[in-house]
Amino acid sequence: MKGKRGDAGLSLVMYALFEIAIIAMFLAASFMKVNAAVNDQTYYQRFVARDVAMTVDAMQSAEGDFNILYSYSTPKPSTLDIVLRKTMIEVYDSKQRGNDNKIPISFLFGYGGNVSIEESILEHSDEKRYYGADQEEFFATAFKIRKYHGNVSFVQVEEGGDGVR
């Protein structure tokens, strides 16, 4: 027959195992959440939305007509649809195309009355696959942002055109 000491030891061991299990579950859940955030397309959506909006801001403030060849690359194929609105850039995951409840990542830019924004959409097309000097593959997307006679718009770059392959 066990006394009070034997029962206390078992309770202490069970309590310690329970605490370890709770900590392990918390760490696993935290790791999965961080891993999903790092690998998530949301990072690229935010980056592209902010960067393109700042580029449009710079174009609005500059005088004259010009084209900017805008490109970005990712370690995995991205599926971004980029929409130029009157006051903002919206970036969608093209996998949500046709979904009425899709939520864009958007970034506002300063809209000046002297510049007209031509609303346009760049839908995702297959990205080009490249290999770096270290033979690591990456995927690139390119398009033009054009300012012509005070109108800002997007222009899709065709394969082989303007030095983009």
Protein backbone atom coordinates (compact mmCIF):
# COMPACT_ATOMS: atom_id res chain seq x y z
CA MET A 1 0.00 0.00 0.00
CA LYS A 2 1.29 3.38 -1.00
CA GLY A 3 1.37 6.21 1.40
CA LYS A 4 0.89 9.88 0.80
CA ARG A 5 4.48 10.23 -0.47
CA GLY A 6 3.97 7.81 -3.39
CA ASP A 7 0.82 9.57 -4.58
CA ALA A 8 2.50 12.97 -4.38
CA GLY A 9 5.40 11.80 -6.58
CA LEU A 10 3.03 10.48 -9.24
CA SER A 11 1.02 13.72 -9.16
CA LEU A 12 4.23 15.75 -9.56
CA VAL A 13 5.35 13.65 -12.56
CA MET A 14 1.93 13.92 -14.22
CA TYR A 15 1.87 17.69 -13.62
CA ALA A 16 5.35 18.06 -15.17
CA LEU A 17 4.37 15.94 -18.21
CA PHE A 18 1.20 17.98 -18.67
CA GLU A 19 3.18 21.25 -18.55
CA ILE A 20 5.71 19.92 -21.08
CA ALA A 21 2.90 18.85 -23.42
CA ILE A 22 1.23 22.29 -23.20
CA ILE A 23 4.55 24.07 -23.90
CA ALA A 24 5.28 21.74 -26.84
CA MET A 25 1.84 22.40 -28.36
CA PHE A 26 2.28 26.16 -27.94
CA LEU A 27 5.73 26.09 -29.58
CA ALA A 28 4.47 23.94 -32.46
CA ALA A 29 1.53 26.26 -33.09
CA SER A 30 3.79 29.33 -32.93
CA PHE A 31 6.29 27.77 -35.32
CA MET A 32 3.57 26.85 -37.82
CA LYS A 33 2.13 30.38 -37.70
CA VAL A 34 5.53 32.03 -38.23
CA ASN A 35 6.41 29.57 -40.99
CA ALA A 36 3.12 30.29 -42.76
CA ALA A 37 3.69 34.04 -42.49
CA VAL A 38 7.20 33.80 -43.91
CA ASN A 39 6.18 31.59 -46.82
CA ASP A 40 2.88 33.34 -47.39
CA GLN A 41 2.18 35.28 -50.53
CA THR A 42 0.99 38.13 -48.30
CA TYR A 43 4.58 39.29 -47.87
CA TYR A 44 4.98 39.71 -51.65
CA GLN A 45 1.56 41.32 -51.96
CA ARG A 46 2.45 43.95 -49.35
CA PHE A 47 5.87 44.59 -50.87
CA VAL A 48 4.59 44.97 -54.43
CA ALA A 49 1.61 47.14 -53.39
CA ARG A 50 3.80 49.55 -51.44
CA ASP A 51 6.62 49.63 -53.97
CA VAL A 52 4.37 50.20 -57.00
CA ALA A 53 2.40 52.90 -55.14
CA MET A 54 5.63 54.72 -54.28
CA THR A 55 6.75 54.42 -57.90
CA VAL A 56 3.46 55.95 -59.08
CA ASP A 57 3.94 58.75 -56.52
CA ALA A 58 7.39 59.46 -57.92
CA MET A 59 6.03 59.46 -61.48
CA GLN A 60 3.28 61.90 -60.56
CA SER A 61 5.74 64.34 -59.07
CA ALA A 62 8.13 64.25 -62.04
CA GLU A 63 7.61 66.30 -65.16
CA GLY A 64 7.49 64.85 -68.65
CA ASP A 65 6.56 61.55 -70.24
CA PHE A 66 8.38 58.32 -69.48
CA ASN A 67 8.15 54.56 -69.05
CA ILE A 68 9.49 52.57 -66.14
CA LEU A 69 10.16 48.87 -66.58
CA TYR A 70 9.15 47.46 -63.19
CA SER A 71 10.14 43.92 -62.34
CA TYR A 72 10.39 41.77 -59.26
CA SER A 73 11.51 38.24 -58.60
CA THR A 74 10.48 35.62 -56.05
CA PRO A 75 11.97 32.29 -54.98
CA LYS A 76 8.66 30.55 -55.78
CA PRO A 77 6.14 31.34 -58.50
CA SER A 78 3.81 34.10 -57.34
CA THR A 79 0.27 34.59 -58.55
CA LEU A 80 -0.36 38.30 -58.13
CA ASP A 81 -2.95 40.41 -59.92
CA ILE A 82 -2.09 44.11 -59.65
CA VAL A 83 -4.82 46.74 -60.00
CA LEU A 84 -4.15 50.45 -60.49
CA ARG A 85 -7.05 52.47 -59.05
CA LYS A 86 -7.54 56.24 -58.92
CA THR A 87 -6.05 56.56 -55.42
CA MET A 88 -4.38 53.24 -54.64
CA ILE A 89 -2.70 50.07 -55.77
CA GLU A 90 -4.50 46.81 -54.99
CA VAL A 91 -2.77 43.44 -55.16
CA TYR A 92 -4.78 40.21 -55.20
CA ASP A 93 -3.81 36.60 -55.19
CA SER A 94 -4.99 35.43 -58.63
CA LYS A 95 -6.13 32.14 -57.11
CA GLN A 96 -9.01 34.18 -55.66
CA ARG A 97 -10.10 35.43 -59.10
CA GLY A 98 -13.87 35.10 -59.41
CA ASN A 99 -14.31 35.12 -55.63
CA ASP A 100 -16.56 38.02 -54.65
CA ASN A 101 -15.17 38.02 -51.11
CA LYS A 102 -11.50 38.38 -52.05
CA ILE A 103 -9.57 40.81 -49.92
CA PRO A 104 -6.82 42.86 -51.56
CA ILE A 105 -3.66 44.19 -50.05
CA SER A 106 -3.78 47.89 -50.92
CA PHE A 107 -1.53 50.92 -50.56
CA LEU A 108 -2.63 54.51 -51.10
CA PHE A 109 -0.60 56.97 -53.10
CA GLY A 110 -0.83 60.73 -53.24
CA TYR A 111 -3.26 61.64 -56.00
CA GLY A 112 -2.57 64.98 -57.65
CA GLY A 113 -5.16 66.83 -59.69
CA ASN A 114 -2.65 67.44 -62.48
CA VAL A 115 -2.18 63.74 -63.19
CA SER A 116 -4.85 61.39 -64.46
CA ILE A 117 -4.76 57.77 -63.29
CA GLU A 118 -5.98 55.31 -65.89
CA GLU A 119 -7.47 52.41 -63.98
CA SER A 120 -5.94 49.20 -65.25
CA ILE A 121 -5.43 45.58 -64.23
CA LEU A 122 -2.39 43.38 -64.71
CA GLU A 123 -3.58 39.83 -64.38
CA HIS A 124 -1.08 37.19 -63.44
CA SER A 125 0.51 35.43 -66.34
CA ASP A 126 3.05 32.67 -66.20
CA GLU A 127 6.27 33.96 -64.81
CA LYS A 128 9.58 33.40 -66.47
CA ARG A 129 11.96 30.96 -64.79
CA TYR A 130 15.58 32.06 -64.38
CA TYR A 131 18.70 30.66 -62.78
CA GLY A 132 21.16 32.80 -60.84
CA ALA A 133 24.93 32.54 -60.82
CA ASP A 134 24.70 29.94 -58.05
CA GLN A 135 22.24 27.90 -60.18
CA GLU A 136 19.41 28.70 -57.77
CA GLU A 137 16.13 29.20 -59.63
CA PHE A 138 13.88 32.22 -59.26
CA PHE A 139 10.80 33.55 -61.01
CA ALA A 140 10.45 37.06 -62.44
CA THR A 141 7.55 39.25 -63.46
CA ALA A 142 7.85 42.52 -65.38
CA PHE A 143 5.53 45.27 -66.56
CA LYS A 144 5.74 48.92 -67.56
CA ILE A 145 4.36 51.85 -65.65
CA ARG A 146 3.81 54.61 -68.20
CA LYS A 147 3.26 58.32 -67.76
CA TYR A 148 2.23 59.88 -71.06
CA HIS A 149 0.68 63.35 -71.38
CA GLY A 150 -0.17 63.32 -67.67
CA ASN A 151 -1.86 59.88 -67.71
CA VAL A 152 -0.39 57.09 -65.60
CA SER A 153 -1.14 53.50 -66.68
CA PHE A 154 0.19 49.94 -66.65
CA VAL A 155 1.42 48.19 -69.77
CA GLN A 156 2.00 44.44 -69.93
CA VAL A 157 5.45 43.49 -71.21
CA GLU A 158 5.37 40.76 -73.80
CA GLU A 159 7.98 38.04 -73.73
CA GLY A 160 11.09 39.13 -75.58
CA GLY A 161 10.02 42.78 -75.66
CA ASP A 162 12.07 45.60 -74.16
CA GLY A 163 14.86 43.30 -73.02
CA VAL A 164 12.60 41.13 -70.84
CA ARG A 165 12.78 37.42 -71.56
